[in-house]
Amino acid sequence: MIDIILVTDKEIKRLNREWFGEKRATDVIAFDHGEIYISIDTAGRQAKERGVNFTQEVLRLAVHGTVHIAGFNDTNLKDFCRMREREWKLLIGCMSSWA
């Protein structure tokens, strides 16, 4: 089971500091036990930057977190590309099921 929790930048910054020692907000944090935290503030900004609506960006971030939980990483270019490929396959599957 995966839980998706929508939070503010303030809350995701706190989680990022507590769990990863980072002193900044981020868009998504995924924990191996199945919790995905998504910053609605960052998702809103990123949606505008990407030219998509808020729901589409939150879906993209949920898929990104899910792929992390499945064991993918984006720490180097090779892994980043592999992870993005998997994300696109899942997103295309989501979108085609809505059509």
PDB file of N, CA and C in Angstrom:
ATOM      1  N   MET A   1       0.840  -1.173   0.000  1.00  0.00           N
ATOM      2  CA  MET A   1       0.000   0.000   0.000  1.00  0.00           C
ATOM      3  C   MET A   1       0.888   1.241   0.000  1.00  0.00           C
ATOM      4  N   ILE A   2       0.484   2.239  -0.765  1.00  0.00           N
ATOM      5  CA  ILE A   2       1.204   3.504  -0.824  1.00  0.00           C
ATOM      6  C   ILE A   2       0.266   4.608  -0.358  1.00  0.00           C
ATOM      7  N   ASP A   3       0.768   5.443   0.539  1.00  0.00           N
ATOM      8  CA  ASP A   3       0.029   6.618   1.003  1.00  0.00           C
ATOM      9  C   ASP A   3       0.667   7.856   0.396  1.00  0.00           C
ATOM     10  N   ILE A   4      -0.147   8.721  -0.170  1.00  0.00           N
ATOM     11  CA  ILE A   4       0.332   9.984  -0.711  1.00  0.00           C
ATOM     12  C   ILE A   4      -0.177  11.087   0.201  1.00  0.00           C
ATOM     13  N   ILE A   5       0.763  11.846   0.761  1.00  0.00           N
ATOM     14  CA  ILE A   5       0.432  12.895   1.712  1.00  0.00           C
ATOM     15  C   ILE A   5       0.837  14.231   1.106  1.00  0.00           C
ATOM     16  N   LEU A   6      -0.121  15.133   0.965  1.00  0.00           N
ATOM     17  CA  LEU A   6       0.145  16.461   0.424  1.00  0.00           C
ATOM     18  C   LEU A   6       0.461  17.404   1.577  1.00  0.00           C
ATOM     19  N   VAL A   7       1.594  18.098   1.466  1.00  0.00           N
ATOM     20  CA  VAL A   7       2.061  18.977   2.537  1.00  0.00           C
ATOM     21  C   VAL A   7       2.514  20.315   1.949  1.00  0.00           C
ATOM     22  N   THR A   8       2.808  21.257   2.830  1.00  0.00           N
ATOM     23  CA  THR A   8       3.335  22.560   2.417  1.00  0.00           C
ATOM     24  C   THR A   8       4.857  22.481   2.281  1.00  0.00           C
ATOM     25  N   ASP A   9       5.442  23.531   1.701  1.00  0.00           N
ATOM     26  CA  ASP A   9       6.906  23.610   1.637  1.00  0.00           C
ATOM     27  C   ASP A   9       7.515  23.571   3.035  1.00  0.00           C
ATOM     28  N   LYS A  10       6.868  24.232   3.984  1.00  0.00           N
ATOM     29  CA  LYS A  10       7.382  24.263   5.358  1.00  0.00           C
ATOM     30  C   LYS A  10       7.492  22.846   5.921  1.00  0.00           C
ATOM     31  N   GLU A  11       6.462  22.032   5.720  1.00  0.00           N
ATOM     32  CA  GLU A  11       6.464  20.667   6.257  1.00  0.00           C
ATOM     33  C   GLU A  11       7.461  19.780   5.525  1.00  0.00           C
ATOM     34  N   ILE A  12       7.550  19.889   4.205  1.00  0.00           N
ATOM     35  CA  ILE A  12       8.476  19.018   3.480  1.00  0.00           C
ATOM     36  C   ILE A  12       9.923  19.419   3.774  1.00  0.00           C
ATOM     37  N   LYS A  13      10.144  20.709   4.030  1.00  0.00           N
ATOM     38  CA  LYS A  13      11.481  21.167   4.430  1.00  0.00           C
ATOM     39  C   LYS A  13      11.859  20.548   5.772  1.00  0.00           C
ATOM     40  N   ARG A  14      10.903  20.505   6.695  1.00  0.00           N
ATOM     41  CA  ARG A  14      11.149  19.888   8.009  1.00  0.00           C
ATOM     42  C   ARG A  14      11.490  18.412   7.849  1.00  0.00           C
ATOM     43  N   LEU A  15      10.716  17.697   7.029  1.00  0.00           N
ATOM     44  CA  LEU A  15      10.980  16.271   6.789  1.00  0.00           C
ATOM     45  C   LEU A  15      12.337  16.068   6.122  1.00  0.00           C
ATOM     46  N   ASN A  16      12.654  16.907   5.160  1.00  0.00           N
ATOM     47  CA  ASN A  16      13.922  16.800   4.446  1.00  0.00           C
ATOM     48  C   ASN A  16      15.094  17.018   5.407  1.00  0.00           C
ATOM     49  N   ARG A  17      14.962  17.958   6.314  1.00  0.00           N
ATOM     50  CA  ARG A  17      16.004  18.223   7.305  1.00  0.00           C
ATOM     51  C   ARG A  17      16.108  17.056   8.291  1.00  0.00           C
ATOM     52  N   GLU A  18      14.955  16.592   8.778  1.00  0.00           N
ATOM     53  CA  GLU A  18      14.930  15.521   9.785  1.00  0.00           C
ATOM     54  C   GLU A  18      15.495  14.207   9.253  1.00  0.00           C
ATOM     55  N   TRP A  19      15.124  13.820   8.038  1.00  0.00           N
ATOM     56  CA  TRP A  19      15.489  12.505   7.519  1.00  0.00           C
ATOM     57  C   TRP A  19      16.735  12.483   6.642  1.00  0.00           C
ATOM     58  N   PHE A  20      17.038  13.614   5.991  1.00  0.00           N
ATOM     59  CA  PHE A  20      18.141  13.611   5.028  1.00  0.00           C
ATOM     60  C   PHE A  20      19.190  14.682   5.299  1.00  0.00           C
ATOM     61  N   GLY A  21      18.982  15.494   6.341  1.00  0.00           N
ATOM     62  CA  GLY A  21      19.950  16.525   6.684  1.00  0.00           C
ATOM     63  C   GLY A  21      19.998  17.690   5.709  1.00  0.00           C
ATOM     64  N   GLU A  22      19.003  17.794   4.848  1.00  0.00           N
ATOM     65  CA  GLU A  22      18.935  18.879   3.864  1.00  0.00           C
ATOM     66  C   GLU A  22      18.108  20.025   4.442  1.00  0.00           C
ATOM     67  N   LYS A  23      18.581  21.246   4.265  1.00  0.00           N
ATOM     68  CA  LYS A  23      17.893  22.406   4.843  1.00  0.00           C
ATOM     69  C   LYS A  23      17.100  23.171   3.793  1.00  0.00           C
ATOM     70  N   ARG A  24      16.413  22.438   2.935  1.00  0.00           N
ATOM     71  CA  ARG A  24      15.629  23.084   1.880  1.00  0.00           C
ATOM     72  C   ARG A  24      14.364  22.280   1.618  1.00  0.00           C
ATOM     73  N   ALA A  25      13.415  22.955   1.007  1.00  0.00           N
ATOM     74  CA  ALA A  25      12.206  22.258   0.564  1.00  0.00           C
ATOM     75  C   ALA A  25      12.550  21.455  -0.685  1.00  0.00           C
ATOM     76  N   THR A  26      11.764  20.451  -0.957  1.00  0.00           N
ATOM     77  CA  THR A  26      11.904  19.651  -2.168  1.00  0.00           C
ATOM     78  C   THR A  26      10.497  19.340  -2.677  1.00  0.00           C
ATOM     79  N   ASP A  27      10.398  18.767  -3.848  1.00  0.00           N
ATOM     80  CA  ASP A  27       9.062  18.512  -4.392  1.00  0.00           C
ATOM     81  C   ASP A  27       8.424  17.249  -3.837  1.00  0.00           C
ATOM     82  N   VAL A  28       9.227  16.198  -3.658  1.00  0.00           N
ATOM     83  CA  VAL A  28       8.676  14.914  -3.220  1.00  0.00           C
ATOM     84  C   VAL A  28       9.697  14.165  -2.370  1.00  0.00           C
ATOM     85  N   ILE A  29       9.214  13.507  -1.342  1.00  0.00           N
ATOM     86  CA  ILE A  29      10.028  12.605  -0.522  1.00  0.00           C
ATOM     87  C   ILE A  29       9.278  11.286  -0.442  1.00  0.00           C
ATOM     88  N   ALA A  30       9.985  10.206  -0.758  1.00  0.00           N
ATOM     89  CA  ALA A  30       9.374   8.869  -0.716  1.00  0.00           C
ATOM     90  C   ALA A  30      10.117   8.011   0.300  1.00  0.00           C
ATOM     91  N   PHE A  31       9.369   7.339   1.140  1.00  0.00           N
ATOM     92  CA  PHE A  31       9.943   6.428   2.120  1.00  0.00           C
ATOM     93  C   PHE A  31       9.652   4.992   1.704  1.00  0.00           C
ATOM     94  N   ASP A  32      10.621   4.120   1.940  1.00  0.00           N
ATOM     95  CA  ASP A  32      10.512   2.722   1.516  1.00  0.00           C
ATOM     96  C   ASP A  32       9.268   2.020   2.047  1.00  0.00           C
ATOM     97  N   HIS A  33       8.752   2.447   3.186  1.00  0.00           N
ATOM     98  CA  HIS A  33       7.567   1.792   3.762  1.00  0.00           C
ATOM     99  C   HIS A  33       6.269   2.221   3.073  1.00  0.00           C
ATOM    100  N   GLY A  34       6.366   3.101   2.053  1.00  0.00           N
ATOM    101  CA  GLY A  34       5.191   3.399   1.244  1.00  0.00           C
ATOM    102  C   GLY A  34       4.548   4.750   1.433  1.00  0.00           C
ATOM    103  N   GLU A  35       5.219   5.665   2.114  1.00  0.00           N
ATOM    104  CA  GLU A  35       4.687   7.019   2.244  1.00  0.00           C
ATOM    105  C   GLU A  35       5.374   7.932   1.235  1.00  0.00           C
ATOM    106  N   ILE A  36       4.564   8.690   0.506  1.00  0.00           N
ATOM    107  CA  ILE A  36       5.082   9.671  -0.437  1.00  0.00           C
ATOM    108  C   ILE A  36       4.537  11.030  -0.017  1.00  0.00           C
ATOM    109  N   TYR A  37       5.447  11.953   0.305  1.00  0.00           N
ATOM    110  CA  TYR A  37       5.076  13.312   0.674  1.00  0.00           C
ATOM    111  C   TYR A  37       5.322  14.216  -0.528  1.00  0.00           C
ATOM    112  N   ILE A  38       4.317  14.983  -0.906  1.00  0.00           N
ATOM    113  CA  ILE A  38       4.417  15.894  -2.042  1.00  0.00           C
ATOM    114  C   ILE A  38       4.125  17.306  -1.555  1.00  0.00           C
ATOM    115  N   SER A  39       5.028  18.228  -1.860  1.00  0.00           N
ATOM    116  CA  SER A  39       4.800  19.629  -1.515  1.00  0.00           C
ATOM    117  C   SER A  39       3.854  20.255  -2.533  1.00  0.00           C
ATOM    118  N   ILE A  40       2.705  20.704  -2.054  1.00  0.00           N
ATOM    119  CA  ILE A  40       1.745  21.340  -2.957  1.00  0.00           C
ATOM    120  C   ILE A  40       2.254  22.705  -3.423  1.00  0.00           C
ATOM    121  N   ASP A  41       3.058  23.366  -2.595  1.00  0.00           N
ATOM    122  CA  ASP A  41       3.620  24.660  -2.986  1.00  0.00           C
ATOM    123  C   ASP A  41       4.588  24.484  -4.156  1.00  0.00           C
ATOM    124  N   THR A  42       5.508  23.543  -4.005  1.00  0.00           N
ATOM    125  CA  THR A  42       6.487  23.284  -5.064  1.00  0.00           C
ATOM    126  C   THR A  42       5.802  22.713  -6.296  1.00  0.00           C
ATOM    127  N   ALA A  43       4.838  21.833  -6.109  1.00  0.00           N
ATOM    128  CA  ALA A  43       4.110  21.262  -7.252  1.00  0.00           C
ATOM    129  C   ALA A  43       3.419  22.366  -8.049  1.00  0.00           C
ATOM    130  N   GLY A  44       2.860  23.342  -7.369  1.00  0.00           N
ATOM    131  CA  GLY A  44       2.207  24.457  -8.051  1.00  0.00           C
ATOM    132  C   GLY A  44       3.187  25.268  -8.880  1.00  0.00           C
ATOM    133  N   ARG A  45       4.356  25.560  -8.311  1.00  0.00           N
ATOM    134  CA  ARG A  45       5.380  26.311  -9.054  1.00  0.00           C
ATOM    135  C   ARG A  45       5.887  25.510 -10.249  1.00  0.00           C
ATOM    136  N   GLN A  46       6.154  24.228 -10.020  1.00  0.00           N
ATOM    137  CA  GLN A  46       6.674  23.383 -11.094  1.00  0.00           C
ATOM    138  C   GLN A  46       5.651  23.196 -12.206  1.00  0.00           C
ATOM    139  N   ALA A  47       4.391  23.124 -11.858  1.00  0.00           N
ATOM    140  CA  ALA A  47       3.345  22.988 -12.882  1.00  0.00           C
ATOM    141  C   ALA A  47       3.391  24.181 -13.831  1.00  0.00           C
ATOM    142  N   LYS A  48       3.520  25.377 -13.276  1.00  0.00           N
ATOM    143  CA  LYS A  48       3.607  26.584 -14.111  1.00  0.00           C
ATOM    144  C   LYS A  48       4.852  26.542 -14.990  1.00  0.00           C
ATOM    145  N   GLU A  49       5.993  26.153 -14.398  1.00  0.00           N
ATOM    146  CA  GLU A  49       7.250  26.082 -15.151  1.00  0.00           C
ATOM    147  C   GLU A  49       7.170  25.072 -16.292  1.00  0.00           C
ATOM    148  N   ARG A  50       6.492  23.958 -16.064  1.00  0.00           N
ATOM    149  CA  ARG A  50       6.410  22.884 -17.056  1.00  0.00           C
ATOM    150  C   ARG A  50       5.254  23.073 -18.044  1.00  0.00           C
ATOM    151  N   GLY A  51       4.376  24.019 -17.755  1.00  0.00           N
ATOM    152  CA  GLY A  51       3.235  24.256 -18.635  1.00  0.00           C
ATOM    153  C   GLY A  51       2.168  23.175 -18.541  1.00  0.00           C
ATOM    154  N   VAL A  52       2.019  22.607 -17.337  1.00  0.00           N
ATOM    155  CA  VAL A  52       0.991  21.591 -17.098  1.00  0.00           C
ATOM    156  C   VAL A  52       0.092  22.087 -15.970  1.00  0.00           C
ATOM    157  N   ASN A  53      -1.025  21.395 -15.760  1.00  0.00           N
ATOM    158  CA  ASN A  53      -1.874  21.819 -14.645  1.00  0.00           C
ATOM    159  C   ASN A  53      -1.398  21.162 -13.342  1.00  0.00           C
ATOM    160  N   PHE A  54      -1.933  21.656 -12.246  1.00  0.00           N
ATOM    161  CA  PHE A  54      -1.519  21.203 -10.916  1.00  0.00           C
ATOM    162  C   PHE A  54      -1.709  19.695 -10.748  1.00  0.00           C
ATOM    163  N   THR A  55      -2.845  19.179 -11.181  1.00  0.00           N
ATOM    164  CA  THR A  55      -3.134  17.747 -11.037  1.00  0.00           C
ATOM    165  C   THR A  55      -2.123  16.899 -11.797  1.00  0.00           C
ATOM    166  N   GLN A  56      -1.771  17.324 -12.996  1.00  0.00           N
ATOM    167  CA  GLN A  56      -0.781  16.581 -13.780  1.00  0.00           C
ATOM    168  C   GLN A  56       0.571  16.554 -13.078  1.00  0.00           C
ATOM    169  N   GLU A  57       0.959  17.675 -12.482  1.00  0.00           N
ATOM    170  CA  GLU A  57       2.250  17.725 -11.787  1.00  0.00           C
ATOM    171  C   GLU A  57       2.229  16.856 -10.536  1.00  0.00           C
ATOM    172  N   VAL A  58       1.141  16.884  -9.792  1.00  0.00           N
ATOM    173  CA  VAL A  58       1.044  16.026  -8.602  1.00  0.00           C
ATOM    174  C   VAL A  58       1.090  14.555  -9.012  1.00  0.00           C
ATOM    175  N   LEU A  59       0.427  14.196 -10.102  1.00  0.00           N
ATOM    176  CA  LEU A  59       0.488  12.820 -10.603  1.00  0.00           C
ATOM    177  C   LEU A  59       1.920  12.449 -10.968  1.00  0.00           C
ATOM    178  N   ARG A  60       2.625  13.349 -11.649  1.00  0.00           N
ATOM    179  CA  ARG A  60       4.014  13.078 -12.020  1.00  0.00           C
ATOM    180  C   ARG A  60       4.873  12.853 -10.773  1.00  0.00           C
ATOM    181  N   LEU A  61       4.671  13.672  -9.759  1.00  0.00           N
ATOM    182  CA  LEU A  61       5.444  13.527  -8.528  1.00  0.00           C
ATOM    183  C   LEU A  61       5.077  12.246  -7.781  1.00  0.00           C
ATOM    184  N   ALA A  62       3.808  11.868  -7.808  1.00  0.00           N
ATOM    185  CA  ALA A  62       3.386  10.610  -7.179  1.00  0.00           C
ATOM    186  C   ALA A  62       4.036   9.421  -7.881  1.00  0.00           C
ATOM    187  N   VAL A  63       4.087   9.472  -9.199  1.00  0.00           N
ATOM    188  CA  VAL A  63       4.749   8.403  -9.960  1.00  0.00           C
ATOM    189  C   VAL A  63       6.241   8.401  -9.648  1.00  0.00           C
ATOM    190  N   HIS A  64       6.849   9.577  -9.584  1.00  0.00           N
ATOM    191  CA  HIS A  64       8.277   9.674  -9.260  1.00  0.00           C
ATOM    192  C   HIS A  64       8.562   9.021  -7.903  1.00  0.00           C
ATOM    193  N   GLY A  65       7.748   9.350  -6.913  1.00  0.00           N
ATOM    194  CA  GLY A  65       7.916   8.749  -5.593  1.00  0.00           C
ATOM    195  C   GLY A  65       7.709   7.248  -5.605  1.00  0.00           C
ATOM    196  N   THR A  66       6.730   6.789  -6.354  1.00  0.00           N
ATOM    197  CA  THR A  66       6.453   5.354  -6.461  1.00  0.00           C
ATOM    198  C   THR A  66       7.627   4.614  -7.086  1.00  0.00           C
ATOM    199  N   VAL A  67       8.217   5.213  -8.104  1.00  0.00           N
ATOM    200  CA  VAL A  67       9.366   4.589  -8.764  1.00  0.00           C
ATOM    201  C   VAL A  67      10.557   4.535  -7.801  1.00  0.00           C
ATOM    202  N   HIS A  68      10.728   5.558  -6.969  1.00  0.00           N
ATOM    203  CA  HIS A  68      11.772   5.501  -5.932  1.00  0.00           C
ATOM    204  C   HIS A  68      11.510   4.324  -4.987  1.00  0.00           C
ATOM    205  N   ILE A  69      10.272   4.177  -4.542  1.00  0.00           N
ATOM    206  CA  ILE A  69       9.931   3.082  -3.627  1.00  0.00           C
ATOM    207  C   ILE A  69      10.196   1.728  -4.280  1.00  0.00           C
ATOM    208  N   ALA A  70      10.015   1.662  -5.593  1.00  0.00           N
ATOM    209  CA  ALA A  70      10.261   0.414  -6.332  1.00  0.00           C
ATOM    210  C   ALA A  70      11.752   0.112  -6.481  1.00  0.00           C
ATOM    211  N   GLY A  71      12.606   1.019  -5.999  1.00  0.00           N
ATOM    212  CA  GLY A  71      14.037   0.743  -6.003  1.00  0.00           C
ATOM    213  C   GLY A  71      14.864   1.528  -7.001  1.00  0.00           C
ATOM    214  N   PHE A  72      14.241   2.423  -7.746  1.00  0.00           N
ATOM    215  CA  PHE A  72      14.983   3.232  -8.712  1.00  0.00           C
ATOM    216  C   PHE A  72      15.590   4.449  -8.016  1.00  0.00           C
ATOM    217  N   ASN A  73      16.730   4.910  -8.549  1.00  0.00           N
ATOM    218  CA  ASN A  73      17.392   6.100  -8.031  1.00  0.00           C
ATOM    219  C   ASN A  73      17.718   7.044  -9.159  1.00  0.00           C
ATOM    220  N   ASP A  74      17.974   8.293  -8.810  1.00  0.00           N
ATOM    221  CA  ASP A  74      18.344   9.287  -9.817  1.00  0.00           C
ATOM    222  C   ASP A  74      19.598  10.046  -9.398  1.00  0.00           C
ATOM    223  N   THR A  75      20.545   9.318  -8.803  1.00  0.00           N
ATOM    224  CA  THR A  75      21.748   9.945  -8.269  1.00  0.00           C
ATOM    225  C   THR A  75      22.841  10.163  -9.307  1.00  0.00           C
ATOM    226  N   ASN A  76      22.794   9.448 -10.415  1.00  0.00           N
ATOM    227  CA  ASN A  76      23.742   9.698 -11.502  1.00  0.00           C
ATOM    228  C   ASN A  76      22.971   9.689 -12.821  1.00  0.00           C
ATOM    229  N   LEU A  77      23.629  10.100 -13.899  1.00  0.00           N
ATOM    230  CA  LEU A  77      22.935  10.278 -15.174  1.00  0.00           C
ATOM    231  C   LEU A  77      22.321   8.984 -15.699  1.00  0.00           C
ATOM    232  N   LYS A  78      23.046   7.885 -15.598  1.00  0.00           N
ATOM    233  CA  LYS A  78      22.529   6.604 -16.092  1.00  0.00           C
ATOM    234  C   LYS A  78      21.262   6.203 -15.332  1.00  0.00           C
ATOM    235  N   ASP A  79      21.318   6.271 -14.004  1.00  0.00           N
ATOM    236  CA  ASP A  79      20.152   5.920 -13.186  1.00  0.00           C
ATOM    237  C   ASP A  79      19.005   6.907 -13.396  1.00  0.00           C
ATOM    238  N   PHE A  80      19.344   8.191 -13.547  1.00  0.00           N
ATOM    239  CA  PHE A  80      18.340   9.218 -13.799  1.00  0.00           C
ATOM    240  C   PHE A  80      17.560   8.896 -15.073  1.00  0.00           C
ATOM    241  N   CYS A  81      18.285   8.559 -16.149  1.00  0.00           N
ATOM    242  CA  CYS A  81      17.632   8.243 -17.432  1.00  0.00           C
ATOM    243  C   CYS A  81      16.775   6.986 -17.321  1.00  0.00           C
ATOM    244  N   ARG A  82      17.286   5.981 -16.630  1.00  0.00           N
ATOM    245  CA  ARG A  82      16.541   4.733 -16.433  1.00  0.00           C
ATOM    246  C   ARG A  82      15.256   4.996 -15.637  1.00  0.00           C
ATOM    247  N   MET A  83      15.386   5.826 -14.612  1.00  0.00           N
ATOM    248  CA  MET A  83      14.235   6.149 -13.776  1.00  0.00           C
ATOM    249  C   MET A  83      13.199   6.950 -14.565  1.00  0.00           C
ATOM    250  N   ARG A  84      13.657   7.947 -15.327  1.00  0.00           N
ATOM    251  CA  ARG A  84      12.726   8.757 -16.118  1.00  0.00           C
ATOM    252  C   ARG A  84      11.980   7.905 -17.146  1.00  0.00           C
ATOM    253  N   GLU A  85      12.679   6.944 -17.741  1.00  0.00           N
ATOM    254  CA  GLU A  85      12.033   6.050 -18.711  1.00  0.00           C
ATOM    255  C   GLU A  85      10.899   5.277 -18.044  1.00  0.00           C
ATOM    256  N   ARG A  86      11.159   4.770 -16.852  1.00  0.00           N
ATOM    257  CA  ARG A  86      10.136   4.026 -16.113  1.00  0.00           C
ATOM    258  C   ARG A  86       8.959   4.935 -15.752  1.00  0.00           C
ATOM    259  N   GLU A  87       9.267   6.147 -15.319  1.00  0.00           N
ATOM    260  CA  GLU A  87       8.210   7.101 -14.975  1.00  0.00           C
ATOM    261  C   GLU A  87       7.317   7.380 -16.178  1.00  0.00           C
ATOM    262  N   TRP A  88       7.921   7.621 -17.342  1.00  0.00           N
ATOM    263  CA  TRP A  88       7.132   7.919 -18.540  1.00  0.00           C
ATOM    264  C   TRP A  88       6.234   6.755 -18.921  1.00  0.00           C
ATOM    265  N   LYS A  89       6.747   5.535 -18.796  1.00  0.00           N
ATOM    266  CA  LYS A  89       5.914   4.365 -19.105  1.00  0.00           C
ATOM    267  C   LYS A  89       4.695   4.321 -18.183  1.00  0.00           C
ATOM    268  N   LEU A  90       4.904   4.585 -16.909  1.00  0.00           N
ATOM    269  CA  LEU A  90       3.786   4.585 -15.961  1.00  0.00           C
ATOM    270  C   LEU A  90       2.820   5.737 -16.228  1.00  0.00           C
ATOM    271  N   LEU A  91       3.356   6.916 -16.509  1.00  0.00           N
ATOM    272  CA  LEU A  91       2.492   8.068 -16.789  1.00  0.00           C
ATOM    273  C   LEU A  91       1.674   7.861 -18.054  1.00  0.00           C
ATOM    274  N   ILE A  92       2.298   7.318 -19.082  1.00  0.00           N
ATOM    275  CA  ILE A  92       1.566   7.035 -20.325  1.00  0.00           C
ATOM    276  C   ILE A  92       0.460   6.024 -20.056  1.00  0.00           C
ATOM    277  N   GLY A  93       0.745   5.023 -19.231  1.00  0.00           N
ATOM    278  CA  GLY A  93      -0.275   4.043 -18.855  1.00  0.00           C
ATOM    279  C   GLY A  93      -1.435   4.690 -18.118  1.00  0.00           C
ATOM    280  N   CYS A  94      -1.126   5.619 -17.215  1.00  0.00           N
ATOM    281  CA  CYS A  94      -2.184   6.335 -16.485  1.00  0.00           C
ATOM    282  C   CYS A  94      -3.030   7.161 -17.437  1.00  0.00           C
ATOM    283  N   MET A  95      -2.378   7.897 -18.302  1.00  0.00           N
ATOM    284  CA  MET A  95      -3.102   8.782 -19.221  1.00  0.00           C
ATOM    285  C   MET A  95      -3.938   7.995 -20.220  1.00  0.00           C
ATOM    286  N   SER A  96      -3.409   6.889 -20.728  1.00  0.00           N
ATOM    287  CA  SER A  96      -4.162   6.120 -21.724  1.00  0.00           C
ATOM    288  C   SER A  96      -5.381   5.447 -21.101  1.00  0.00           C
ATOM    289  N   SER A  97      -5.315   5.142 -19.814  1.00  0.00           N
ATOM    290  CA  SER A  97      -6.477   4.525 -19.170  1.00  0.00           C
ATOM    291  C   SER A  97      -7.590   5.546 -18.937  1.00  0.00           C
ATOM    292  N   TRP A  98      -7.258   6.839 -18.973  1.00  0.00           N
ATOM    293  CA  TRP A  98      -8.262   7.890 -18.805  1.00  0.00           C
ATOM    294  C   TRP A  98      -8.905   8.280 -20.123  1.00  0.00           C
ATOM    295  N   ALA A  99      -8.273   7.929 -21.224  1.00  0.00           N
ATOM    296  CA  ALA A  99      -8.760   8.383 -22.546  1.00  0.00           C
ATOM    297  C   ALA A  99      -9.997   7.617 -22.977  1.00  0.00           C
TER     298      ALA A  99
END
